[in-house]
């Protein structure tokens, strides 16, 4: 069996673990041999889309940070593959997902000669071996909305529940900036509907429910003003009118009772 060729030794990924204190609670110790990890990791919905190898990458990064007592880690892809048995492509995909979940911030150094160069923070994940050939043959995925843009739309949604599952579907289904613009409009339509009809907070759809499954994105039902919500609007309006009529009748009855007392 041919040996797998290891990644170039000069290929690194600069990773900053966000909220590192959460994983390193004993800041009073100068050195520790452990890192804090929740025992619900494998049940956490945020990590539902991670493969076994990608979960190991997250643990590997935490262990490297713990050894250095710092949330800033330089991941050597050759070391990760040879010592951690983690292929470079698995490391790349895992760190991309971790950045989208806002667990890490990624900085990239393309070669070992740039070790002391200024590191530029990126808003989306980039492979370190970017070449001119990629520019000549652009990846269709490059036109996909960045994770920061999806996060911005999520902040406009009226109920902050179901984020991870909803964003996971959107990352698979929103392929162009036009798709993102359409989704933003659907969110606005639904938010306006909830405000106009006085929907109670507990009855507002979770974000993941509003988005729907990849095979049947429910959010598209709200693309046109009133579409998907016209029947709901009419029922809510009728209910509101009935309630107002009841309150008015009750008020008149009480006034009559007081007048006859």
C-alpha atoms as a PDB file:
ATOM      1  CA  UNK A   1       0.000   0.000   0.000  1.00  0.00           C
ATOM      2  CA  UNK A   2       1.409   3.386  -1.004  1.00  0.00           C
ATOM      3  CA  UNK A   3       2.171   5.724   1.846  1.00  0.00           C
ATOM      4  CA  UNK A   4       0.039   8.816   2.050  1.00  0.00           C
ATOM      5  CA  UNK A   5       2.040  11.877   1.173  1.00  0.00           C
ATOM      6  CA  UNK A   6       2.057  14.267   4.140  1.00  0.00           C
ATOM      7  CA  UNK A   7       1.174  17.940   3.647  1.00  0.00           C
ATOM      8  CA  UNK A   8       3.974  20.375   3.077  1.00  0.00           C
ATOM      9  CA  UNK A   9       5.795  21.110   6.302  1.00  0.00           C
ATOM     10  CA  UNK A  10       5.515  24.828   5.600  1.00  0.00           C
ATOM     11  CA  UNK A  11       1.723  24.813   5.670  1.00  0.00           C
ATOM     12  CA  UNK A  12       0.273  26.293   8.842  1.00  0.00           C
ATOM     13  CA  UNK A  13      -3.053  27.628  10.009  1.00  0.00           C
ATOM     14  CA  UNK A  14      -3.051  30.330  12.663  1.00  0.00           C
ATOM     15  CA  UNK A  15      -6.075  29.742  14.911  1.00  0.00           C
ATOM     16  CA  UNK A  16      -7.353  31.876  17.767  1.00  0.00           C
ATOM     17  CA  UNK A  17      -9.799  30.088  20.078  1.00  0.00           C
ATOM     18  CA  UNK A  18     -12.542  32.538  21.000  1.00  0.00           C
ATOM     19  CA  UNK A  19     -13.478  32.625  24.694  1.00  0.00           C
ATOM     20  CA  UNK A  20     -10.427  30.528  25.516  1.00  0.00           C
ATOM     21  CA  UNK A  21     -11.070  31.094  29.228  1.00  0.00           C
ATOM     22  CA  UNK A  22     -14.108  28.830  28.968  1.00  0.00           C
ATOM     23  CA  UNK A  23     -11.831  25.904  28.160  1.00  0.00           C
ATOM     24  CA  UNK A  24      -9.043  26.934  30.532  1.00  0.00           C
ATOM     25  CA  UNK A  25     -10.760  27.915  33.804  1.00  0.00           C
ATOM     26  CA  UNK A  26      -7.645  27.571  36.009  1.00  0.00           C
ATOM     27  CA  UNK A  27      -5.812  30.674  34.925  1.00  0.00           C
ATOM     28  CA  UNK A  28      -4.042  30.719  38.282  1.00  0.00           C
ATOM     29  CA  UNK A  29      -1.945  27.726  37.191  1.00  0.00           C
ATOM     30  CA  UNK A  30       1.123  28.325  35.055  1.00  0.00           C
ATOM     31  CA  UNK A  31       0.844  24.926  33.419  1.00  0.00           C
ATOM     32  CA  UNK A  32      -1.871  22.285  33.202  1.00  0.00           C
ATOM     33  CA  UNK A  33      -2.058  18.858  31.602  1.00  0.00           C
ATOM     34  CA  UNK A  34      -5.762  19.011  30.868  1.00  0.00           C
ATOM     35  CA  UNK A  35      -8.350  21.132  29.093  1.00  0.00           C
ATOM     36  CA  UNK A  36     -11.987  21.646  29.985  1.00  0.00           C
ATOM     37  CA  UNK A  37     -14.388  19.940  27.614  1.00  0.00           C
ATOM     38  CA  UNK A  38     -18.137  19.568  28.096  1.00  0.00           C
ATOM     39  CA  UNK A  39     -19.245  15.924  28.252  1.00  0.00           C
ATOM     40  CA  UNK A  40     -22.239  16.849  26.068  1.00  0.00           C
ATOM     41  CA  UNK A  41     -20.006  17.563  23.056  1.00  0.00           C
ATOM     42  CA  UNK A  42     -21.311  14.597  21.066  1.00  0.00           C
ATOM     43  CA  UNK A  43     -24.910  15.622  21.803  1.00  0.00           C
ATOM     44  CA  UNK A  44     -24.456  19.333  21.079  1.00  0.00           C
ATOM     45  CA  UNK A  45     -26.605  20.309  18.078  1.00  0.00           C
ATOM     46  CA  UNK A  46     -23.951  22.821  17.007  1.00  0.00           C
ATOM     47  CA  UNK A  47     -21.596  19.918  16.295  1.00  0.00           C
ATOM     48  CA  UNK A  48     -24.216  17.647  14.736  1.00  0.00           C
ATOM     49  CA  UNK A  49     -22.767  18.129  11.255  1.00  0.00           C
ATOM     50  CA  UNK A  50     -19.202  17.297  12.327  1.00  0.00           C
ATOM     51  CA  UNK A  51     -17.666  14.007  11.269  1.00  0.00           C
ATOM     52  CA  UNK A  52     -15.701  11.884  13.745  1.00  0.00           C
ATOM     53  CA  UNK A  53     -12.449  13.244  12.335  1.00  0.00           C
ATOM     54  CA  UNK A  54     -13.632  16.861  12.509  1.00  0.00           C
ATOM     55  CA  UNK A  55     -14.535  16.461  16.185  1.00  0.00           C
ATOM     56  CA  UNK A  56     -11.046  15.106  16.795  1.00  0.00           C
ATOM     57  CA  UNK A  57      -9.594  18.188  15.101  1.00  0.00           C
ATOM     58  CA  UNK A  58     -11.431  20.412  17.611  1.00  0.00           C
ATOM     59  CA  UNK A  59     -10.050  18.339  20.498  1.00  0.00           C
ATOM     60  CA  UNK A  60      -6.582  18.442  18.906  1.00  0.00           C
ATOM     61  CA  UNK A  61      -6.690  22.244  18.669  1.00  0.00           C
ATOM     62  CA  UNK A  62      -7.834  22.546  22.303  1.00  0.00           C
ATOM     63  CA  UNK A  63      -5.022  20.248  23.432  1.00  0.00           C
ATOM     64  CA  UNK A  64      -2.426  22.265  21.532  1.00  0.00           C
ATOM     65  CA  UNK A  65      -3.751  25.476  23.097  1.00  0.00           C
ATOM     66  CA  UNK A  66      -3.643  23.903  26.557  1.00  0.00           C
ATOM     67  CA  UNK A  67      -0.009  22.865  26.081  1.00  0.00           C
ATOM     68  CA  UNK A  68       0.859  26.462  25.192  1.00  0.00           C
ATOM     69  CA  UNK A  69      -1.469  27.987  27.807  1.00  0.00           C
ATOM     70  CA  UNK A  70      -2.761  30.295  25.116  1.00  0.00           C
ATOM     71  CA  UNK A  71      -5.824  30.520  22.913  1.00  0.00           C
ATOM     72  CA  UNK A  72      -3.596  31.367  19.937  1.00  0.00           C
ATOM     73  CA  UNK A  73      -2.456  28.185  18.202  1.00  0.00           C
ATOM     74  CA  UNK A  74      -0.387  27.538  15.092  1.00  0.00           C
ATOM     75  CA  UNK A  75      -1.672  24.307  13.603  1.00  0.00           C
ATOM     76  CA  UNK A  76       1.068  22.521  11.691  1.00  0.00           C
ATOM     77  CA  UNK A  77      -0.762  20.354   9.154  1.00  0.00           C
ATOM     78  CA  UNK A  78       2.150  17.942   8.878  1.00  0.00           C
ATOM     79  CA  UNK A  79       2.163  17.433  12.662  1.00  0.00           C
ATOM     80  CA  UNK A  80      -1.626  17.059  12.767  1.00  0.00           C
ATOM     81  CA  UNK A  81      -1.472  14.301  10.149  1.00  0.00           C
ATOM     82  CA  UNK A  82       1.586  12.439  11.395  1.00  0.00           C
ATOM     83  CA  UNK A  83       0.895  12.674  15.129  1.00  0.00           C
ATOM     84  CA  UNK A  84      -2.840  13.209  15.333  1.00  0.00           C
ATOM     85  CA  UNK A  85      -3.697  11.000  12.325  1.00  0.00           C
ATOM     86  CA  UNK A  86      -5.710  13.924  10.987  1.00  0.00           C
ATOM     87  CA  UNK A  87      -5.505  14.411   7.193  1.00  0.00           C
ATOM     88  CA  UNK A  88      -5.099  17.978   6.024  1.00  0.00           C
ATOM     89  CA  UNK A  89      -8.484  18.026   4.271  1.00  0.00           C
ATOM     90  CA  UNK A  90     -10.217  17.021   7.513  1.00  0.00           C
ATOM     91  CA  UNK A  91      -8.367  19.761   9.407  1.00  0.00           C
ATOM     92  CA  UNK A  92      -9.405  22.329   6.813  1.00  0.00           C
ATOM     93  CA  UNK A  93     -13.081  21.327   6.835  1.00  0.00           C
ATOM     94  CA  UNK A  94     -13.216  21.174  10.640  1.00  0.00           C
ATOM     95  CA  UNK A  95     -11.666  24.597  11.132  1.00  0.00           C
ATOM     96  CA  UNK A  96     -14.013  26.070   8.537  1.00  0.00           C
ATOM     97  CA  UNK A  97     -16.988  24.755  10.492  1.00  0.00           C
ATOM     98  CA  UNK A  98     -15.497  25.932  13.795  1.00  0.00           C
ATOM     99  CA  UNK A  99     -15.090  29.426  12.377  1.00  0.00           C
ATOM    100  CA  UNK A 100     -18.677  29.425  11.142  1.00  0.00           C
ATOM    101  CA  UNK A 101     -19.783  28.442  14.659  1.00  0.00           C
ATOM    102  CA  UNK A 102     -17.634  31.308  16.006  1.00  0.00           C
ATOM    103  CA  UNK A 103     -15.542  28.913  18.082  1.00  0.00           C
ATOM    104  CA  UNK A 104     -12.340  30.120  16.443  1.00  0.00           C
ATOM    105  CA  UNK A 105     -10.946  32.962  14.379  1.00  0.00           C
ATOM    106  CA  UNK A 106      -8.594  31.963  11.581  1.00  0.00           C
ATOM    107  CA  UNK A 107      -5.440  33.667  10.384  1.00  0.00           C
ATOM    108  CA  UNK A 108      -3.451  32.171   7.538  1.00  0.00           C
ATOM    109  CA  UNK A 109       0.286  32.068   6.789  1.00  0.00           C
ATOM    110  CA  UNK A 110       0.891  30.558   3.336  1.00  0.00           C
ATOM    111  CA  UNK A 111       4.528  29.548   3.792  1.00  0.00           C
ATOM    112  CA  UNK A 112       7.099  29.151   6.523  1.00  0.00           C
ATOM    113  CA  UNK A 113       8.968  32.112   5.082  1.00  0.00           C
ATOM    114  CA  UNK A 114       6.062  34.295   6.165  1.00  0.00           C
ATOM    115  CA  UNK A 115       6.189  33.195   9.814  1.00  0.00           C
ATOM    116  CA  UNK A 116       7.061  36.678  11.006  1.00  0.00           C
ATOM    117  CA  UNK A 117       4.917  38.552   8.481  1.00  0.00           C
ATOM    118  CA  UNK A 118       1.776  40.395   9.464  1.00  0.00           C
ATOM    119  CA  UNK A 119      -1.137  38.001   9.669  1.00  0.00           C
ATOM    120  CA  UNK A 120      -4.391  39.148   8.101  1.00  0.00           C
ATOM    121  CA  UNK A 121      -7.665  38.135   9.691  1.00  0.00           C
ATOM    122  CA  UNK A 122     -10.101  36.593   7.215  1.00  0.00           C
ATOM    123  CA  UNK A 123     -13.894  36.781   7.330  1.00  0.00           C
ATOM    124  CA  UNK A 124     -14.170  33.405   5.611  1.00  0.00           C
ATOM    125  CA  UNK A 125     -11.919  30.370   5.602  1.00  0.00           C
ATOM    126  CA  UNK A 126      -9.126  30.270   2.993  1.00  0.00           C
ATOM    127  CA  UNK A 127      -6.803  27.446   2.122  1.00  0.00           C
ATOM    128  CA  UNK A 128      -3.143  28.341   2.557  1.00  0.00           C
ATOM    129  CA  UNK A 129      -2.062  26.997  -0.811  1.00  0.00           C
ATOM    130  CA  UNK A 130      -3.964  29.545  -2.915  1.00  0.00           C
ATOM    131  CA  UNK A 131      -2.472  29.661  -6.439  1.00  0.00           C
ATOM    132  CA  UNK A 132      -2.850  31.680  -9.593  1.00  0.00           C
ATOM    133  CA  UNK A 133      -4.592  28.707 -11.139  1.00  0.00           C
ATOM    134  CA  UNK A 134      -7.481  29.166  -8.703  1.00  0.00           C
ATOM    135  CA  UNK A 135      -7.852  32.745  -9.857  1.00  0.00           C
ATOM    136  CA  UNK A 136      -7.970  31.569 -13.465  1.00  0.00           C
ATOM    137  CA  UNK A 137     -10.548  28.927 -12.607  1.00  0.00           C
ATOM    138  CA  UNK A 138     -12.642  30.415  -9.815  1.00  0.00           C
ATOM    139  CA  UNK A 139     -14.484  28.075  -7.508  1.00  0.00           C
ATOM    140  CA  UNK A 140     -18.296  28.443  -7.846  1.00  0.00           C
ATOM    141  CA  UNK A 141     -18.474  28.227  -4.048  1.00  0.00           C
ATOM    142  CA  UNK A 142     -16.640  31.547  -3.851  1.00  0.00           C
ATOM    143  CA  UNK A 143     -19.882  33.342  -4.729  1.00  0.00           C
ATOM    144  CA  UNK A 144     -21.696  31.811  -1.760  1.00  0.00           C
ATOM    145  CA  UNK A 145     -22.675  34.206   1.041  1.00  0.00           C
ATOM    146  CA  UNK A 146     -20.031  34.454   3.760  1.00  0.00           C
ATOM    147  CA  UNK A 147     -20.827  33.221   7.258  1.00  0.00           C
ATOM    148  CA  UNK A 148     -20.763  36.815   8.513  1.00  0.00           C
ATOM    149  CA  UNK A 149     -23.513  37.766   6.076  1.00  0.00           C
ATOM    150  CA  UNK A 150     -25.691  34.880   7.237  1.00  0.00           C
ATOM    151  CA  UNK A 151     -25.062  35.883  10.850  1.00  0.00           C
ATOM    152  CA  UNK A 152     -26.185  39.439  10.053  1.00  0.00           C
ATOM    153  CA  UNK A 153     -29.486  38.187   8.616  1.00  0.00           C
ATOM    154  CA  UNK A 154     -29.987  35.892  11.607  1.00  0.00           C
ATOM    155  CA  UNK A 155     -29.706  38.920  13.898  1.00  0.00           C
ATOM    156  CA  UNK A 156     -32.690  40.414  12.052  1.00  0.00           C
ATOM    157  CA  UNK A 157     -34.847  37.363  12.766  1.00  0.00           C
ATOM    158  CA  UNK A 158     -37.395  37.936  15.585  1.00  0.00           C
ATOM    159  CA  UNK A 159     -36.645  34.780  17.624  1.00  0.00           C
ATOM    160  CA  UNK A 160     -33.117  33.726  18.560  1.00  0.00           C
ATOM    161  CA  UNK A 161     -33.578  29.961  18.750  1.00  0.00           C
ATOM    162  CA  UNK A 162     -32.612  27.220  16.302  1.00  0.00           C
ATOM    163  CA  UNK A 163     -29.620  29.140  14.987  1.00  0.00           C
ATOM    164  CA  UNK A 164     -27.124  26.327  14.376  1.00  0.00           C
ATOM    165  CA  UNK A 165     -29.501  24.030  12.492  1.00  0.00           C
ATOM    166  CA  UNK A 166     -30.910  26.907  10.454  1.00  0.00           C
ATOM    167  CA  UNK A 167     -27.515  28.267   9.426  1.00  0.00           C
ATOM    168  CA  UNK A 168     -26.328  24.768   8.547  1.00  0.00           C
ATOM    169  CA  UNK A 169     -29.155  24.416   6.006  1.00  0.00           C
ATOM    170  CA  UNK A 170     -28.580  27.914   4.642  1.00  0.00           C
ATOM    171  CA  UNK A 171     -24.879  27.255   4.075  1.00  0.00           C
ATOM    172  CA  UNK A 172     -25.911  24.318   1.880  1.00  0.00           C
ATOM    173  CA  UNK A 173     -28.746  25.979  -0.004  1.00  0.00           C
ATOM    174  CA  UNK A 174     -27.916  29.679  -0.430  1.00  0.00           C
ATOM    175  CA  UNK A 175     -25.528  29.575  -3.370  1.00  0.00           C
ATOM    176  CA  UNK A 176     -25.524  33.176  -4.600  1.00  0.00           C
ATOM    177  CA  UNK A 177     -25.841  36.712  -3.299  1.00  0.00           C
ATOM    178  CA  UNK A 178     -29.273  36.771  -4.979  1.00  0.00           C
ATOM    179  CA  UNK A 179     -30.340  33.843  -2.792  1.00  0.00           C
ATOM    180  CA  UNK A 180     -29.131  35.734   0.268  1.00  0.00           C
ATOM    181  CA  UNK A 181     -31.072  38.844  -0.748  1.00  0.00           C
ATOM    182  CA  UNK A 182     -34.219  36.743  -1.216  1.00  0.00           C
ATOM    183  CA  UNK A 183     -33.774  35.141   2.201  1.00  0.00           C
ATOM    184  CA  UNK A 184     -33.269  38.541   3.828  1.00  0.00           C
ATOM    185  CA  UNK A 185     -36.532  39.723   2.248  1.00  0.00           C
ATOM    186  CA  UNK A 186     -38.363  36.633   3.526  1.00  0.00           C
ATOM    187  CA  UNK A 187     -37.071  37.288   7.049  1.00  0.00           C
ATOM    188  CA  UNK A 188     -38.262  40.892   6.824  1.00  0.00           C
ATOM    189  CA  UNK A 189     -41.703  39.807   5.597  1.00  0.00           C
ATOM    190  CA  UNK A 190     -42.108  37.317   8.428  1.00  0.00           C
ATOM    191  CA  UNK A 191     -40.822  39.760  11.050  1.00  0.00           C
ATOM    192  CA  UNK A 192     -43.236  42.439   9.804  1.00  0.00           C
ATOM    193  CA  UNK A 193     -46.065  39.897   9.888  1.00  0.00           C
ATOM    194  CA  UNK A 194     -45.304  39.000  13.520  1.00  0.00           C
ATOM    195  CA  UNK A 195     -45.194  42.665  14.515  1.00  0.00           C
ATOM    196  CA  UNK A 196     -48.338  43.577  12.560  1.00  0.00           C
ATOM    197  CA  UNK A 197     -50.449  40.751  13.923  1.00  0.00           C
ATOM    198  CA  UNK A 198     -49.029  40.792  17.447  1.00  0.00           C
ATOM    199  CA  UNK A 199     -47.763  37.207  17.448  1.00  0.00           C
ATOM    200  CA  UNK A 200     -46.629  36.273  20.953  1.00  0.00           C
ATOM    201  CA  UNK A 201     -42.907  35.567  21.267  1.00  0.00           C
ATOM    202  CA  UNK A 202     -43.495  31.945  22.225  1.00  0.00           C
ATOM    203  CA  UNK A 203     -45.442  31.359  19.001  1.00  0.00           C
ATOM    204  CA  UNK A 204     -42.818  32.824  16.681  1.00  0.00           C
ATOM    205  CA  UNK A 205     -41.149  30.043  14.726  1.00  0.00           C
ATOM    206  CA  UNK A 206     -37.692  28.902  15.709  1.00  0.00           C
ATOM    207  CA  UNK A 207     -35.155  30.058  13.139  1.00  0.00           C
ATOM    208  CA  UNK A 208     -34.535  26.475  11.984  1.00  0.00           C
ATOM    209  CA  UNK A 209     -38.284  25.900  11.536  1.00  0.00           C
ATOM    210  CA  UNK A 210     -38.615  29.093   9.492  1.00  0.00           C
ATOM    211  CA  UNK A 211     -35.703  28.026   7.275  1.00  0.00           C
ATOM    212  CA  UNK A 212     -37.031  24.482   6.836  1.00  0.00           C
ATOM    213  CA  UNK A 213     -35.186  21.442   5.490  1.00  0.00           C
ATOM    214  CA  UNK A 214     -32.807  21.742   2.549  1.00  0.00           C
ATOM    215  CA  UNK A 215     -35.194  19.738   0.372  1.00  0.00           C
ATOM    216  CA  UNK A 216     -38.121  22.080   1.121  1.00  0.00           C
ATOM    217  CA  UNK A 217     -37.005  25.538   2.267  1.00  0.00           C
ATOM    218  CA  UNK A 218     -40.054  26.933   4.053  1.00  0.00           C
ATOM    219  CA  UNK A 219     -38.683  30.463   4.119  1.00  0.00           C
ATOM    220  CA  UNK A 220     -39.513  30.838   0.425  1.00  0.00           C
ATOM    221  CA  UNK A 221     -43.195  30.868   1.368  1.00  0.00           C
ATOM    222  CA  UNK A 222     -42.551  34.343   2.809  1.00  0.00           C
ATOM    223  CA  UNK A 223     -40.822  35.822  -0.232  1.00  0.00           C
ATOM    224  CA  UNK A 224     -43.804  37.858  -1.345  1.00  0.00           C
ATOM    225  CA  UNK A 225     -45.554  40.168   1.107  1.00  0.00           C
ATOM    226  CA  UNK A 226     -48.510  38.207   2.393  1.00  0.00           C
ATOM    227  CA  UNK A 227     -47.457  34.996   0.637  1.00  0.00           C
ATOM    228  CA  UNK A 228     -47.337  32.104   3.033  1.00  0.00           C
ATOM    229  CA  UNK A 229     -48.838  34.299   5.679  1.00  0.00           C
ATOM    230  CA  UNK A 230     -52.044  35.583   4.061  1.00  0.00           C
ATOM    231  CA  UNK A 231     -54.303  32.990   5.694  1.00  0.00           C
ATOM    232  CA  UNK A 232     -52.524  33.489   8.996  1.00  0.00           C
ATOM    233  CA  UNK A 233     -52.892  37.256   8.676  1.00  0.00           C
ATOM    234  CA  UNK A 234     -56.617  36.974   8.002  1.00  0.00           C
ATOM    235  CA  UNK A 235     -57.185  34.589  10.913  1.00  0.00           C
ATOM    236  CA  UNK A 236     -55.156  36.762  13.267  1.00  0.00           C
ATOM    237  CA  UNK A 237     -57.003  39.891  12.133  1.00  0.00           C
ATOM    238  CA  UNK A 238     -60.381  38.217  12.644  1.00  0.00           C
ATOM    239  CA  UNK A 239     -59.329  37.055  16.090  1.00  0.00           C
ATOM    240  CA  UNK A 240     -58.199  40.575  16.949  1.00  0.00           C
ATOM    241  CA  UNK A 241     -61.519  42.088  15.820  1.00  0.00           C
ATOM    242  CA  UNK A 242     -63.483  39.532  17.850  1.00  0.00           C
ATOM    243  CA  UNK A 243     -61.411  40.298  20.934  1.00  0.00           C
ATOM    244  CA  UNK A 244     -61.943  44.046  20.513  1.00  0.00           C
ATOM    245  CA  UNK A 245     -65.696  43.551  20.067  1.00  0.00           C
ATOM    246  CA  UNK A 246     -65.819  41.389  23.189  1.00  0.00           C
ATOM    247  CA  UNK A 247     -63.885  43.945  25.238  1.00  0.00           C
ATOM    248  CA  UNK A 248     -66.200  46.731  24.033  1.00  0.00           C
ATOM    249  CA  UNK A 249     -69.315  44.711  24.911  1.00  0.00           C
ATOM    250  CA  UNK A 250     -67.872  43.826  28.327  1.00  0.00           C
ATOM    251  CA  UNK A 251     -67.067  47.471  28.979  1.00  0.00           C
ATOM    252  CA  UNK A 252     -70.654  48.532  28.131  1.00  0.00           C
ATOM    253  CA  UNK A 253     -72.067  45.815  30.391  1.00  0.00           C
ATOM    254  CA  UNK A 254     -69.917  46.916  33.321  1.00  0.00           C
ATOM    255  CA  UNK A 255     -70.970  50.530  32.820  1.00  0.00           C
ATOM    256  CA  UNK A 256     -74.619  49.510  32.801  1.00  0.00           C
ATOM    257  CA  UNK A 257     -74.157  47.519  35.995  1.00  0.00           C
ATOM    258  CA  UNK A 258     -72.500  50.459  37.728  1.00  0.00           C
ATOM    259  CA  UNK A 259     -75.288  52.798  36.534  1.00  0.00           C
ATOM    260  CA  UNK A 260     -78.006  50.525  37.880  1.00  0.00           C
ATOM    261  CA  UNK A 261     -76.317  50.040  41.272  1.00  0.00           C
END
